[in-house]
Amino acid sequence: MLYLIDDNAKQLRLAGAAGIRAGTSLSPLTINLESEQPWPLADALKSEAAQIVDDLAGRFGAEVPAGPWSDPPRAAVVTLIRSNVAHQPAGVLIAGISSRLLVDDSYLSFIELAATQIATAIAN
């Protein structure tokens, strides 16, 4: 899921989703940063570092889609989409982690690379 931050940095808007239905508790259409959130977005924005979210089934129940595999992801990564202004991200990327792979530095580097490519695309 790709969320973009509004001009006031108070709300995120779902700009795109793949492999998941938009508008559920897992993928709300808008997220107010000043209220309770389904994802650790405030932590990601404040620390400017990726956040790993474990136990998706415990958090969201049956809403977690399995995707192309029979087993749904158990974890996800929330990472920033950086803008060309320091400390003012353009949004966040929330990516499900394959339940068949370990989350290691290489996996996180891949997610960061994807976020960088998205940032480049939306800046143009």
PDB file of N, CA and C in Angstrom:
ATOM      1  N   MET A   1       0.854  -1.167   0.000  1.00  0.00           N
ATOM      2  CA  MET A   1       0.000   0.000   0.000  1.00  0.00           C
ATOM      3  C   MET A   1       0.897   1.226   0.000  1.00  0.00           C
ATOM      4  N   LEU A   2       0.480   2.209  -0.718  1.00  0.00           N
ATOM      5  CA  LEU A   2       1.202   3.469  -0.787  1.00  0.00           C
ATOM      6  C   LEU A   2       0.290   4.564  -0.262  1.00  0.00           C
ATOM      7  N   TYR A   3       0.748   5.233   0.780  1.00  0.00           N
ATOM      8  CA  TYR A   3       0.015   6.352   1.366  1.00  0.00           C
ATOM      9  C   TYR A   3       0.815   7.627   1.151  1.00  0.00           C
ATOM     10  N   LEU A   4       0.142   8.697   0.743  1.00  0.00           N
ATOM     11  CA  LEU A   4       0.775   9.999   0.581  1.00  0.00           C
ATOM     12  C   LEU A   4       0.292  10.931   1.678  1.00  0.00           C
ATOM     13  N   ILE A   5       1.202  11.785   2.149  1.00  0.00           N
ATOM     14  CA  ILE A   5       0.912  12.716   3.243  1.00  0.00           C
ATOM     15  C   ILE A   5       0.331  14.000   2.668  1.00  0.00           C
ATOM     16  N   ASP A   6      -0.687  14.548   3.348  1.00  0.00           N
ATOM     17  CA  ASP A   6      -1.263  15.812   2.888  1.00  0.00           C
ATOM     18  C   ASP A   6      -0.316  16.973   3.199  1.00  0.00           C
ATOM     19  N   ASP A   7      -0.642  18.141   2.703  1.00  0.00           N
ATOM     20  CA  ASP A   7       0.224  19.312   2.860  1.00  0.00           C
ATOM     21  C   ASP A   7       0.425  19.731   4.315  1.00  0.00           C
ATOM     22  N   ASN A   8      -0.527  19.425   5.179  1.00  0.00           N
ATOM     23  CA  ASN A   8      -0.423  19.789   6.595  1.00  0.00           C
ATOM     24  C   ASN A   8       0.266  18.725   7.435  1.00  0.00           C
ATOM     25  N   ALA A   9       0.625  17.602   6.823  1.00  0.00           N
ATOM     26  CA  ALA A   9       1.268  16.468   7.506  1.00  0.00           C
ATOM     27  C   ALA A   9       0.409  15.945   8.657  1.00  0.00           C
ATOM     28  N   LYS A  10      -0.908  15.963   8.461  1.00  0.00           N
ATOM     29  CA  LYS A  10      -1.820  15.470   9.492  1.00  0.00           C
ATOM     30  C   LYS A  10      -2.621  14.257   9.037  1.00  0.00           C
ATOM     31  N   GLN A  11      -2.603  13.976   7.750  1.00  0.00           N
ATOM     32  CA  GLN A  11      -3.413  12.887   7.222  1.00  0.00           C
ATOM     33  C   GLN A  11      -2.693  12.219   6.056  1.00  0.00           C
ATOM     34  N   LEU A  12      -2.918  10.913   5.954  1.00  0.00           N
ATOM     35  CA  LEU A  12      -2.391  10.134   4.841  1.00  0.00           C
ATOM     36  C   LEU A  12      -3.558   9.661   3.990  1.00  0.00           C
ATOM     37  N   ARG A  13      -3.345   9.633   2.681  1.00  0.00           N
ATOM     38  CA  ARG A  13      -4.375   9.179   1.742  1.00  0.00           C
ATOM     39  C   ARG A  13      -3.835   7.978   0.977  1.00  0.00           C
ATOM     40  N   LEU A  14      -4.628   6.923   0.907  1.00  0.00           N
ATOM     41  CA  LEU A  14      -4.235   5.740   0.156  1.00  0.00           C
ATOM     42  C   LEU A  14      -4.170   6.099  -1.323  1.00  0.00           C
ATOM     43  N   ALA A  15      -2.962   6.027  -1.890  1.00  0.00           N
ATOM     44  CA  ALA A  15      -2.769   6.383  -3.293  1.00  0.00           C
ATOM     45  C   ALA A  15      -2.704   5.156  -4.184  1.00  0.00           C
ATOM     46  N   GLY A  16      -2.456   3.993  -3.580  1.00  0.00           N
ATOM     47  CA  GLY A  16      -2.389   2.778  -4.379  1.00  0.00           C
ATOM     48  C   GLY A  16      -2.251   1.551  -3.504  1.00  0.00           C
ATOM     49  N   ALA A  17      -2.757   0.449  -4.002  1.00  0.00           N
ATOM     50  CA  ALA A  17      -2.670  -0.823  -3.276  1.00  0.00           C
ATOM     51  C   ALA A  17      -2.559  -1.949  -4.288  1.00  0.00           C
ATOM     52  N   ALA A  18      -1.799  -2.953  -3.952  1.00  0.00           N
ATOM     53  CA  ALA A  18      -1.659  -4.125  -4.813  1.00  0.00           C
ATOM     54  C   ALA A  18      -1.835  -5.372  -3.965  1.00  0.00           C
ATOM     55  N   GLY A  19      -2.678  -6.267  -4.425  1.00  0.00           N
ATOM     56  CA  GLY A  19      -2.888  -7.525  -3.723  1.00  0.00           C
ATOM     57  C   GLY A  19      -3.770  -7.414  -2.494  1.00  0.00           C
ATOM     58  N   ILE A  20      -4.422  -6.279  -2.353  1.00  0.00           N
ATOM     59  CA  ILE A  20      -5.269  -6.050  -1.182  1.00  0.00           C
ATOM     60  C   ILE A  20      -6.421  -5.124  -1.586  1.00  0.00           C
ATOM     61  N   ARG A  21      -7.557  -5.351  -0.980  1.00  0.00           N
ATOM     62  CA  ARG A  21      -8.722  -4.502  -1.252  1.00  0.00           C
ATOM     63  C   ARG A  21      -8.584  -3.191  -0.472  1.00  0.00           C
ATOM     64  N   ALA A  22      -8.846  -2.084  -1.102  1.00  0.00           N
ATOM     65  CA  ALA A  22      -8.766  -0.777  -0.449  1.00  0.00           C
ATOM     66  C   ALA A  22     -10.003  -0.532   0.404  1.00  0.00           C
ATOM     67  N   GLY A  23      -9.812   0.206   1.493  1.00  0.00           N
ATOM     68  CA  GLY A  23     -10.935   0.632   2.316  1.00  0.00           C
ATOM     69  C   GLY A  23     -11.315  -0.303   3.441  1.00  0.00           C
ATOM     70  N   THR A  24     -10.417  -1.196   3.856  1.00  0.00           N
ATOM     71  CA  THR A  24     -10.680  -2.083   4.994  1.00  0.00           C
ATOM     72  C   THR A  24      -9.900  -1.565   6.205  1.00  0.00           C
ATOM     73  N   SER A  25     -10.020  -2.229   7.341  1.00  0.00           N
ATOM     74  CA  SER A  25      -9.242  -1.811   8.514  1.00  0.00           C
ATOM     75  C   SER A  25      -7.749  -1.994   8.269  1.00  0.00           C
ATOM     76  N   LEU A  26      -7.403  -2.902   7.393  1.00  0.00           N
ATOM     77  CA  LEU A  26      -6.013  -3.145   7.002  1.00  0.00           C
ATOM     78  C   LEU A  26      -5.523  -2.066   6.042  1.00  0.00           C
ATOM     79  N   SER A  27      -6.424  -1.524   5.251  1.00  0.00           N
ATOM     80  CA  SER A  27      -6.057  -0.561   4.201  1.00  0.00           C
ATOM     81  C   SER A  27      -7.047   0.602   4.144  1.00  0.00           C
ATOM     82  N   PRO A  28      -7.151   1.398   5.225  1.00  0.00           N
ATOM     83  CA  PRO A  28      -8.113   2.501   5.205  1.00  0.00           C
ATOM     84  C   PRO A  28      -7.799   3.504   4.092  1.00  0.00           C
ATOM     85  N   LEU A  29      -8.825   4.161   3.589  1.00  0.00           N
ATOM     86  CA  LEU A  29      -8.644   5.137   2.513  1.00  0.00           C
ATOM     87  C   LEU A  29      -7.903   6.376   2.988  1.00  0.00           C
ATOM     88  N   THR A  30      -8.129   6.764   4.246  1.00  0.00           N
ATOM     89  CA  THR A  30      -7.400   7.870   4.856  1.00  0.00           C
ATOM     90  C   THR A  30      -7.010   7.478   6.275  1.00  0.00           C
ATOM     91  N   ILE A  31      -5.910   8.037   6.730  1.00  0.00           N
ATOM     92  CA  ILE A  31      -5.453   7.796   8.105  1.00  0.00           C
ATOM     93  C   ILE A  31      -5.094   9.145   8.711  1.00  0.00           C
ATOM     94  N   ASN A  32      -5.734   9.461   9.820  1.00  0.00           N
ATOM     95  CA  ASN A  32      -5.446  10.691  10.552  1.00  0.00           C
ATOM     96  C   ASN A  32      -4.243  10.427  11.449  1.00  0.00           C
ATOM     97  N   LEU A  33      -3.181  11.179  11.274  1.00  0.00           N
ATOM     98  CA  LEU A  33      -1.957  10.971  12.050  1.00  0.00           C
ATOM     99  C   LEU A  33      -2.092  11.434  13.500  1.00  0.00           C
ATOM    100  N   GLU A  34      -3.162  12.157  13.814  1.00  0.00           N
ATOM    101  CA  GLU A  34      -3.363  12.641  15.175  1.00  0.00           C
ATOM    102  C   GLU A  34      -4.299  11.748  15.981  1.00  0.00           C
ATOM    103  N   SER A  35      -4.676  10.605  15.416  1.00  0.00           N
ATOM    104  CA  SER A  35      -5.533   9.673  16.141  1.00  0.00           C
ATOM    105  C   SER A  35      -4.943   8.269  16.056  1.00  0.00           C
ATOM    106  N   GLU A  36      -5.624   7.310  16.650  1.00  0.00           N
ATOM    107  CA  GLU A  36      -5.147   5.931  16.642  1.00  0.00           C
ATOM    108  C   GLU A  36      -5.057   5.420  15.212  1.00  0.00           C
ATOM    109  N   GLN A  37      -4.002   4.658  14.950  1.00  0.00           N
ATOM    110  CA  GLN A  37      -3.739   4.192  13.599  1.00  0.00           C
ATOM    111  C   GLN A  37      -3.582   2.680  13.577  1.00  0.00           C
ATOM    112  N   PRO A  38      -3.940   2.050  12.457  1.00  0.00           N
ATOM    113  CA  PRO A  38      -3.779   0.598  12.369  1.00  0.00           C
ATOM    114  C   PRO A  38      -2.325   0.177  12.157  1.00  0.00           C
ATOM    115  N   TRP A  39      -1.472   1.088  11.729  1.00  0.00           N
ATOM    116  CA  TRP A  39      -0.069   0.812  11.451  1.00  0.00           C
ATOM    117  C   TRP A  39       0.811   1.767  12.268  1.00  0.00           C
ATOM    118  N   PRO A  40       2.073   1.428  12.535  1.00  0.00           N
ATOM    119  CA  PRO A  40       2.959   2.325  13.306  1.00  0.00           C
ATOM    120  C   PRO A  40       3.507   3.459  12.437  1.00  0.00           C
ATOM    121  N   LEU A  41       2.621   4.234  11.872  1.00  0.00           N
ATOM    122  CA  LEU A  41       3.029   5.300  10.963  1.00  0.00           C
ATOM    123  C   LEU A  41       3.725   6.430  11.700  1.00  0.00           C
ATOM    124  N   ALA A  42       3.206   6.808  12.851  1.00  0.00           N
ATOM    125  CA  ALA A  42       3.823   7.892  13.616  1.00  0.00           C
ATOM    126  C   ALA A  42       5.258   7.524  13.995  1.00  0.00           C
ATOM    127  N   ASP A  43       5.482   6.263  14.377  1.00  0.00           N
ATOM    128  CA  ASP A  43       6.840   5.814  14.718  1.00  0.00           C
ATOM    129  C   ASP A  43       7.761   5.888  13.509  1.00  0.00           C
ATOM    130  N   ALA A  44       7.284   5.456  12.352  1.00  0.00           N
ATOM    131  CA  ALA A  44       8.093   5.502  11.133  1.00  0.00           C
ATOM    132  C   ALA A  44       8.415   6.945  10.751  1.00  0.00           C
ATOM    133  N   LEU A  45       7.427   7.826  10.851  1.00  0.00           N
ATOM    134  CA  LEU A  45       7.645   9.221  10.497  1.00  0.00           C
ATOM    135  C   LEU A  45       8.580   9.918  11.472  1.00  0.00           C
ATOM    136  N   LYS A  46       8.417   9.625  12.750  1.00  0.00           N
ATOM    137  CA  LYS A  46       9.251  10.271  13.777  1.00  0.00           C
ATOM    138  C   LYS A  46      10.696   9.779  13.710  1.00  0.00           C
ATOM    139  N   SER A  47      10.874   8.464  13.597  1.00  0.00           N
ATOM    140  CA  SER A  47      12.229   7.896  13.601  1.00  0.00           C
ATOM    141  C   SER A  47      12.892   7.948  12.233  1.00  0.00           C
ATOM    142  N   GLU A  48      12.081   8.144  11.191  1.00  0.00           N
ATOM    143  CA  GLU A  48      12.549   8.102   9.807  1.00  0.00           C
ATOM    144  C   GLU A  48      13.250   6.777   9.499  1.00  0.00           C
ATOM    145  N   ALA A  49      12.775   5.722  10.149  1.00  0.00           N
ATOM    146  CA  ALA A  49      13.330   4.381   9.956  1.00  0.00           C
ATOM    147  C   ALA A  49      12.196   3.391   9.718  1.00  0.00           C
ATOM    148  N   ALA A  50      12.518   2.334   9.003  1.00  0.00           N
ATOM    149  CA  ALA A  50      11.525   1.289   8.726  1.00  0.00           C
ATOM    150  C   ALA A  50      11.051   0.647  10.020  1.00  0.00           C
ATOM    151  N   GLN A  51       9.775   0.303  10.051  1.00  0.00           N
ATOM    152  CA  GLN A  51       9.170  -0.364  11.201  1.00  0.00           C
ATOM    153  C   GLN A  51       8.649  -1.722  10.748  1.00  0.00           C
ATOM    154  N   ILE A  52       9.038  -2.770  11.456  1.00  0.00           N
ATOM    155  CA  ILE A  52       8.528  -4.102  11.156  1.00  0.00           C
ATOM    156  C   ILE A  52       7.312  -4.349  12.027  1.00  0.00           C
ATOM    157  N   VAL A  53       6.243  -4.783  11.412  1.00  0.00           N
ATOM    158  CA  VAL A  53       4.994  -5.061  12.121  1.00  0.00           C
ATOM    159  C   VAL A  53       4.777  -6.567  12.085  1.00  0.00           C
ATOM    160  N   ASP A  54       4.819  -7.198  13.259  1.00  0.00           N
ATOM    161  CA  ASP A  54       4.622  -8.643  13.374  1.00  0.00           C
ATOM    162  C   ASP A  54       3.166  -8.963  13.684  1.00  0.00           C
ATOM    163  N   ASP A  55       2.821 -10.232  13.573  1.00  0.00           N
ATOM    164  CA  ASP A  55       1.513 -10.774  13.936  1.00  0.00           C
ATOM    165  C   ASP A  55       0.360 -10.046  13.245  1.00  0.00           C
ATOM    166  N   LEU A  56       0.422 -10.009  11.915  1.00  0.00           N
ATOM    167  CA  LEU A  56      -0.655  -9.367  11.161  1.00  0.00           C
ATOM    168  C   LEU A  56      -2.001 -10.032  11.397  1.00  0.00           C
ATOM    169  N   ALA A  57      -2.024 -11.352  11.535  1.00  0.00           N
ATOM    170  CA  ALA A  57      -3.292 -12.062  11.786  1.00  0.00           C
ATOM    171  C   ALA A  57      -3.888 -11.630  13.119  1.00  0.00           C
ATOM    172  N   GLY A  58      -3.071 -11.438  14.128  1.00  0.00           N
ATOM    173  CA  GLY A  58      -3.553 -10.979  15.424  1.00  0.00           C
ATOM    174  C   GLY A  58      -4.079  -9.552  15.369  1.00  0.00           C
ATOM    175  N   ARG A  59      -3.479  -8.736  14.549  1.00  0.00           N
ATOM    176  CA  ARG A  59      -3.874  -7.337  14.397  1.00  0.00           C
ATOM    177  C   ARG A  59      -5.110  -7.163  13.521  1.00  0.00           C
ATOM    178  N   PHE A  60      -5.159  -7.923  12.402  1.00  0.00           N
ATOM    179  CA  PHE A  60      -6.177  -7.673  11.391  1.00  0.00           C
ATOM    180  C   PHE A  60      -7.073  -8.872  11.085  1.00  0.00           C
ATOM    181  N   GLY A  61      -6.781 -10.026  11.664  1.00  0.00           N
ATOM    182  CA  GLY A  61      -7.612 -11.204  11.443  1.00  0.00           C
ATOM    183  C   GLY A  61      -7.595 -11.687  10.009  1.00  0.00           C
ATOM    184  N   ALA A  62      -8.755 -12.057   9.522  1.00  0.00           N
ATOM    185  CA  ALA A  62      -8.893 -12.666   8.195  1.00  0.00           C
ATOM    186  C   ALA A  62      -8.738 -11.664   7.053  1.00  0.00           C
ATOM    187  N   GLU A  63      -8.574 -10.380   7.352  1.00  0.00           N
ATOM    188  CA  GLU A  63      -8.418  -9.382   6.288  1.00  0.00           C
ATOM    189  C   GLU A  63      -7.068  -9.474   5.587  1.00  0.00           C
ATOM    190  N   VAL A  64      -6.090 -10.162   6.194  1.00  0.00           N
ATOM    191  CA  VAL A  64      -4.768 -10.275   5.593  1.00  0.00           C
ATOM    192  C   VAL A  64      -4.853 -11.236   4.409  1.00  0.00           C
ATOM    193  N   PRO A  65      -4.648 -10.730   3.192  1.00  0.00           N
ATOM    194  CA  PRO A  65      -4.778 -11.595   2.015  1.00  0.00           C
ATOM    195  C   PRO A  65      -3.585 -12.532   1.864  1.00  0.00           C
ATOM    196  N   ALA A  66      -3.816 -13.702   1.329  1.00  0.00           N
ATOM    197  CA  ALA A  66      -2.751 -14.684   1.138  1.00  0.00           C
ATOM    198  C   ALA A  66      -1.884 -14.347  -0.066  1.00  0.00           C
ATOM    199  N   GLY A  67      -2.418 -13.616  -1.014  1.00  0.00           N
ATOM    200  CA  GLY A  67      -1.652 -13.320  -2.220  1.00  0.00           C
ATOM    201  C   GLY A  67      -1.520 -14.572  -3.072  1.00  0.00           C
ATOM    202  N   PRO A  68      -0.389 -14.725  -3.762  1.00  0.00           N
ATOM    203  CA  PRO A  68      -0.244 -15.874  -4.654  1.00  0.00           C
ATOM    204  C   PRO A  68       0.039 -17.189  -3.916  1.00  0.00           C
ATOM    205  N   TRP A  69       0.322 -17.124  -2.643  1.00  0.00           N
ATOM    206  CA  TRP A  69       0.646 -18.327  -1.875  1.00  0.00           C
ATOM    207  C   TRP A  69      -0.538 -18.738  -1.005  1.00  0.00           C
ATOM    208  N   SER A  70      -0.464 -19.924  -0.464  1.00  0.00           N
ATOM    209  CA  SER A  70      -1.546 -20.414   0.390  1.00  0.00           C
ATOM    210  C   SER A  70      -1.483 -19.821   1.791  1.00  0.00           C
ATOM    211  N   ASP A  71      -0.332 -19.310   2.191  1.00  0.00           N
ATOM    212  CA  ASP A  71      -0.197 -18.748   3.522  1.00  0.00           C
ATOM    213  C   ASP A  71       0.025 -17.237   3.443  1.00  0.00           C
ATOM    214  N   PRO A  72      -0.792 -16.464   4.178  1.00  0.00           N
ATOM    215  CA  PRO A  72      -0.674 -15.005   4.128  1.00  0.00           C
ATOM    216  C   PRO A  72       0.592 -14.535   4.846  1.00  0.00           C
ATOM    217  N   PRO A  73       1.015 -13.306   4.584  1.00  0.00           N
ATOM    218  CA  PRO A  73       2.174 -12.779   5.302  1.00  0.00           C
ATOM    219  C   PRO A  73       1.872 -12.665   6.790  1.00  0.00           C
ATOM    220  N   ARG A  74       2.891 -12.903   7.591  1.00  0.00           N
ATOM    221  CA  ARG A  74       2.759 -12.751   9.044  1.00  0.00           C
ATOM    222  C   ARG A  74       3.265 -11.406   9.517  1.00  0.00           C
ATOM    223  N   ALA A  75       4.037 -10.732   8.650  1.00  0.00           N
ATOM    224  CA  ALA A  75       4.643  -9.449   9.012  1.00  0.00           C
ATOM    225  C   ALA A  75       4.600  -8.506   7.819  1.00  0.00           C
ATOM    226  N   ALA A  76       4.817  -7.240   8.109  1.00  0.00           N
ATOM    227  CA  ALA A  76       4.887  -6.202   7.075  1.00  0.00           C
ATOM    228  C   ALA A  76       5.951  -5.198   7.488  1.00  0.00           C
ATOM    229  N   VAL A  77       6.386  -4.403   6.530  1.00  0.00           N
ATOM    230  CA  VAL A  77       7.338  -3.330   6.790  1.00  0.00           C
ATOM    231  C   VAL A  77       6.683  -2.011   6.403  1.00  0.00           C
ATOM    232  N   VAL A  78       6.796  -1.037   7.294  1.00  0.00           N
ATOM    233  CA  VAL A  78       6.350   0.330   7.025  1.00  0.00           C
ATOM    234  C   VAL A  78       7.609   1.156   6.826  1.00  0.00           C
ATOM    235  N   THR A  79       7.761   1.738   5.649  1.00  0.00           N
ATOM    236  CA  THR A  79       8.957   2.544   5.371  1.00  0.00           C
ATOM    237  C   THR A  79       8.565   3.850   4.705  1.00  0.00           C
ATOM    238  N   LEU A  80       9.412   4.854   4.851  1.00  0.00           N
ATOM    239  CA  LEU A  80       9.125   6.178   4.318  1.00  0.00           C
ATOM    240  C   LEU A  80       9.320   6.257   2.814  1.00  0.00           C
ATOM    241  N   ILE A  81       8.481   7.062   2.200  1.00  0.00           N
ATOM    242  CA  ILE A  81       8.700   7.530   0.847  1.00  0.00           C
ATOM    243  C   ILE A  81       9.240   8.947   1.038  1.00  0.00           C
ATOM    244  N   ARG A  82      10.501   9.118   0.766  1.00  0.00           N
ATOM    245  CA  ARG A  82      11.142  10.399   1.043  1.00  0.00           C
ATOM    246  C   ARG A  82      10.837  11.420  -0.059  1.00  0.00           C
ATOM    247  N   SER A  83      10.793  12.676   0.343  1.00  0.00           N
ATOM    248  CA  SER A  83      10.613  13.759  -0.620  1.00  0.00           C
ATOM    249  C   SER A  83      11.981  14.400  -0.869  1.00  0.00           C
ATOM    250  N   ASN A  84      12.003  15.459  -1.664  1.00  0.00           N
ATOM    251  CA  ASN A  84      13.261  16.154  -1.894  1.00  0.00           C
ATOM    252  C   ASN A  84      13.546  17.200  -0.823  1.00  0.00           C
ATOM    253  N   VAL A  85      12.709  17.247   0.229  1.00  0.00           N
ATOM    254  CA  VAL A  85      12.909  18.151   1.360  1.00  0.00           C
ATOM    255  C   VAL A  85      13.271  17.297   2.581  1.00  0.00           C
ATOM    256  N   ALA A  86      14.398  17.615   3.206  1.00  0.00           N
ATOM    257  CA  ALA A  86      14.856  16.836   4.360  1.00  0.00           C
ATOM    258  C   ALA A  86      13.814  16.828   5.476  1.00  0.00           C
ATOM    259  N   HIS A  87      13.597  15.657   6.054  1.00  0.00           N
ATOM    260  CA  HIS A  87      12.700  15.451   7.200  1.00  0.00           C
ATOM    261  C   HIS A  87      11.235  15.761   6.893  1.00  0.00           C
ATOM    262  N   GLN A  88      10.866  15.778   5.617  1.00  0.00           N
ATOM    263  CA  GLN A  88       9.477  15.953   5.207  1.00  0.00           C
ATOM    264  C   GLN A  88       9.129  14.863   4.199  1.00  0.00           C
ATOM    265  N   PRO A  89       8.806  13.666   4.707  1.00  0.00           N
ATOM    266  CA  PRO A  89       8.509  12.558   3.783  1.00  0.00           C
ATOM    267  C   PRO A  89       7.271  12.847   2.941  1.00  0.00           C
ATOM    268  N   ALA A  90       7.236  12.217   1.777  1.00  0.00           N
ATOM    269  CA  ALA A  90       6.087  12.347   0.879  1.00  0.00           C
ATOM    270  C   ALA A  90       4.981  11.367   1.249  1.00  0.00           C
ATOM    271  N   GLY A  91       5.353  10.266   1.907  1.00  0.00           N
ATOM    272  CA  GLY A  91       4.377   9.256   2.267  1.00  0.00           C
ATOM    273  C   GLY A  91       5.033   8.047   2.887  1.00  0.00           C
ATOM    274  N   VAL A  92       4.295   6.948   2.909  1.00  0.00           N
ATOM    275  CA  VAL A  92       4.813   5.689   3.447  1.00  0.00           C
ATOM    276  C   VAL A  92       4.409   4.544   2.521  1.00  0.00           C
ATOM    277  N   LEU A  93       5.258   3.553   2.508  1.00  0.00           N
ATOM    278  CA  LEU A  93       5.008   2.304   1.801  1.00  0.00           C
ATOM    279  C   LEU A  93       4.823   1.224   2.852  1.00  0.00           C
ATOM    280  N   ILE A  94       3.753   0.468   2.750  1.00  0.00           N
ATOM    281  CA  ILE A  94       3.520  -0.667   3.638  1.00  0.00           C
ATOM    282  C   ILE A  94       3.560  -1.912   2.761  1.00  0.00           C
ATOM    283  N   ALA A  95       4.541  -2.763   3.015  1.00  0.00           N
ATOM    284  CA  ALA A  95       4.746  -3.948   2.186  1.00  0.00           C
ATOM    285  C   ALA A  95       4.663  -5.205   3.037  1.00  0.00           C
ATOM    286  N   GLY A  96       3.833  -6.140   2.612  1.00  0.00           N
ATOM    287  CA  GLY A  96       3.764  -7.433   3.274  1.00  0.00           C
ATOM    288  C   GLY A  96       5.049  -8.203   3.039  1.00  0.00           C
ATOM    289  N   ILE A  97       5.458  -8.959   4.037  1.00  0.00           N
ATOM    290  CA  ILE A  97       6.674  -9.767   3.975  1.00  0.00           C
ATOM    291  C   ILE A  97       6.274 -11.220   3.735  1.00  0.00           C
ATOM    292  N   SER A  98       6.893 -11.842   2.767  1.00  0.00           N
ATOM    293  CA  SER A  98       6.602 -13.243   2.485  1.00  0.00           C
ATOM    294  C   SER A  98       6.804 -14.084   3.742  1.00  0.00           C
ATOM    295  N   SER A  99       5.824 -14.907   4.056  1.00  0.00           N
ATOM    296  CA  SER A  99       5.950 -15.776   5.231  1.00  0.00           C
ATOM    297  C   SER A  99       6.958 -16.893   4.980  1.00  0.00           C
ATOM    298  N   ARG A 100       7.447 -16.999   3.755  1.00  0.00           N
ATOM    299  CA  ARG A 100       8.419 -18.036   3.393  1.00  0.00           C
ATOM    300  C   ARG A 100       9.856 -17.535   3.433  1.00  0.00           C
ATOM    301  N   LEU A 101      10.043 -16.253   3.740  1.00  0.00           N
ATOM    302  CA  LEU A 101      11.378 -15.676   3.785  1.00  0.00           C
ATOM    303  C   LEU A 101      11.637 -15.007   5.129  1.00  0.00           C
ATOM    304  N   LEU A 102      12.907 -14.919   5.496  1.00  0.00           N
ATOM    305  CA  LEU A 102      13.296 -14.207   6.714  1.00  0.00           C
ATOM    306  C   LEU A 102      13.467 -12.729   6.401  1.00  0.00           C
ATOM    307  N   VAL A 103      13.092 -11.907   7.357  1.00  0.00           N
ATOM    308  CA  VAL A 103      13.327 -10.473   7.215  1.00  0.00           C
ATOM    309  C   VAL A 103      14.763 -10.222   7.662  1.00  0.00           C
ATOM    310  N   ASP A 104      15.628  -9.991   6.691  1.00  0.00           N
ATOM    311  CA  ASP A 104      17.031  -9.716   6.998  1.00  0.00           C
ATOM    312  C   ASP A 104      17.425  -8.401   6.329  1.00  0.00           C
ATOM    313  N   ASP A 105      18.700  -8.037   6.422  1.00  0.00           N
ATOM    314  CA  ASP A 105      19.160  -6.771   5.851  1.00  0.00           C
ATOM    315  C   ASP A 105      18.931  -6.698   4.348  1.00  0.00           C
ATOM    316  N   SER A 106      19.095  -7.816   3.647  1.00  0.00           N
ATOM    317  CA  SER A 106      18.883  -7.824   2.200  1.00  0.00           C
ATOM    318  C   SER A 106      17.414  -7.550   1.856  1.00  0.00           C
ATOM    319  N   TYR A 107      16.512  -8.165   2.608  1.00  0.00           N
ATOM    320  CA  TYR A 107      15.080  -7.961   2.367  1.00  0.00           C
ATOM    321  C   TYR A 107      14.715  -6.504   2.637  1.00  0.00           C
ATOM    322  N   LEU A 108      15.207  -5.961   3.758  1.00  0.00           N
ATOM    323  CA  LEU A 108      14.912  -4.568   4.084  1.00  0.00           C
ATOM    324  C   LEU A 108      15.528  -3.617   3.060  1.00  0.00           C
ATOM    325  N   SER A 109      16.697  -3.948   2.540  1.00  0.00           N
ATOM    326  CA  SER A 109      17.323  -3.125   1.499  1.00  0.00           C
ATOM    327  C   SER A 109      16.471  -3.111   0.235  1.00  0.00           C
ATOM    328  N   PHE A 110      15.890  -4.257  -0.100  1.00  0.00           N
ATOM    329  CA  PHE A 110      15.005  -4.335  -1.263  1.00  0.00           C
ATOM    330  C   PHE A 110      13.784  -3.433  -1.072  1.00  0.00           C
ATOM    331  N   ILE A 111      13.182  -3.469   0.111  1.00  0.00           N
ATOM    332  CA  ILE A 111      12.013  -2.619   0.401  1.00  0.00           C
ATOM    333  C   ILE A 111      12.409  -1.144   0.305  1.00  0.00           C
ATOM    334  N   GLU A 112      13.567  -0.787   0.853  1.00  0.00           N
ATOM    335  CA  GLU A 112      14.045   0.596   0.780  1.00  0.00           C
ATOM    336  C   GLU A 112      14.293   1.017  -0.666  1.00  0.00           C
ATOM    337  N   LEU A 113      14.830   0.110  -1.476  1.00  0.00           N
ATOM    338  CA  LEU A 113      15.045   0.401  -2.894  1.00  0.00           C
ATOM    339  C   LEU A 113      13.712   0.667  -3.594  1.00  0.00           C
ATOM    340  N   ALA A 114      12.722  -0.148  -3.303  1.00  0.00           N
ATOM    341  CA  ALA A 114      11.390   0.064  -3.886  1.00  0.00           C
ATOM    342  C   ALA A 114      10.845   1.433  -3.467  1.00  0.00           C
ATOM    343  N   ALA A 115      11.006   1.796  -2.200  1.00  0.00           N
ATOM    344  CA  ALA A 115      10.528   3.089  -1.705  1.00  0.00           C
ATOM    345  C   ALA A 115      11.257   4.241  -2.394  1.00  0.00           C
ATOM    346  N   THR A 116      12.538   4.077  -2.638  1.00  0.00           N
ATOM    347  CA  THR A 116      13.315   5.103  -3.332  1.00  0.00           C
ATOM    348  C   THR A 116      12.844   5.272  -4.770  1.00  0.00           C
ATOM    349  N   GLN A 117      12.550   4.168  -5.433  1.00  0.00           N
ATOM    350  CA  GLN A 117      12.054   4.241  -6.810  1.00  0.00           C
ATOM    351  C   GLN A 117      10.690   4.922  -6.865  1.00  0.00           C
ATOM    352  N   ILE A 118       9.847   4.633  -5.892  1.00  0.00           N
ATOM    353  CA  ILE A 118       8.531   5.287  -5.822  1.00  0.00           C
ATOM    354  C   ILE A 118       8.708   6.791  -5.598  1.00  0.00           C
ATOM    355  N   ALA A 119       9.623   7.153  -4.699  1.00  0.00           N
ATOM    356  CA  ALA A 119       9.884   8.573  -4.415  1.00  0.00           C
ATOM    357  C   ALA A 119      10.343   9.295  -5.670  1.00  0.00           C
ATOM    358  N   THR A 120      11.204   8.643  -6.446  1.00  0.00           N
ATOM    359  CA  THR A 120      11.680   9.238  -7.694  1.00  0.00           C
ATOM    360  C   THR A 120      10.525   9.417  -8.677  1.00  0.00           C
ATOM    361  N   ALA A 121       9.650   8.427  -8.760  1.00  0.00           N
ATOM    362  CA  ALA A 121       8.528   8.488  -9.700  1.00  0.00           C
ATOM    363  C   ALA A 121       7.531   9.589  -9.335  1.00  0.00           C
ATOM    364  N   ILE A 122       7.238   9.763  -8.055  1.00  0.00           N
ATOM    365  CA  ILE A 122       6.227  10.760  -7.681  1.00  0.00           C
ATOM    366  C   ILE A 122       6.805  12.177  -7.655  1.00  0.00           C
ATOM    367  N   ALA A 123       8.122  12.296  -7.619  1.00  0.00           N
ATOM    368  CA  ALA A 123       8.751  13.616  -7.629  1.00  0.00           C
ATOM    369  C   ALA A 123       8.728  14.224  -9.033  1.00  0.00           C
ATOM    370  N   ASN A 124       8.591  13.378 -10.024  1.00  0.00           N
ATOM    371  CA  ASN A 124       8.628  13.884 -11.412  1.00  0.00           C
ATOM    372  C   ASN A 124       7.260  14.238 -11.933  1.00  0.00           C
TER     373      ASN A 124
END
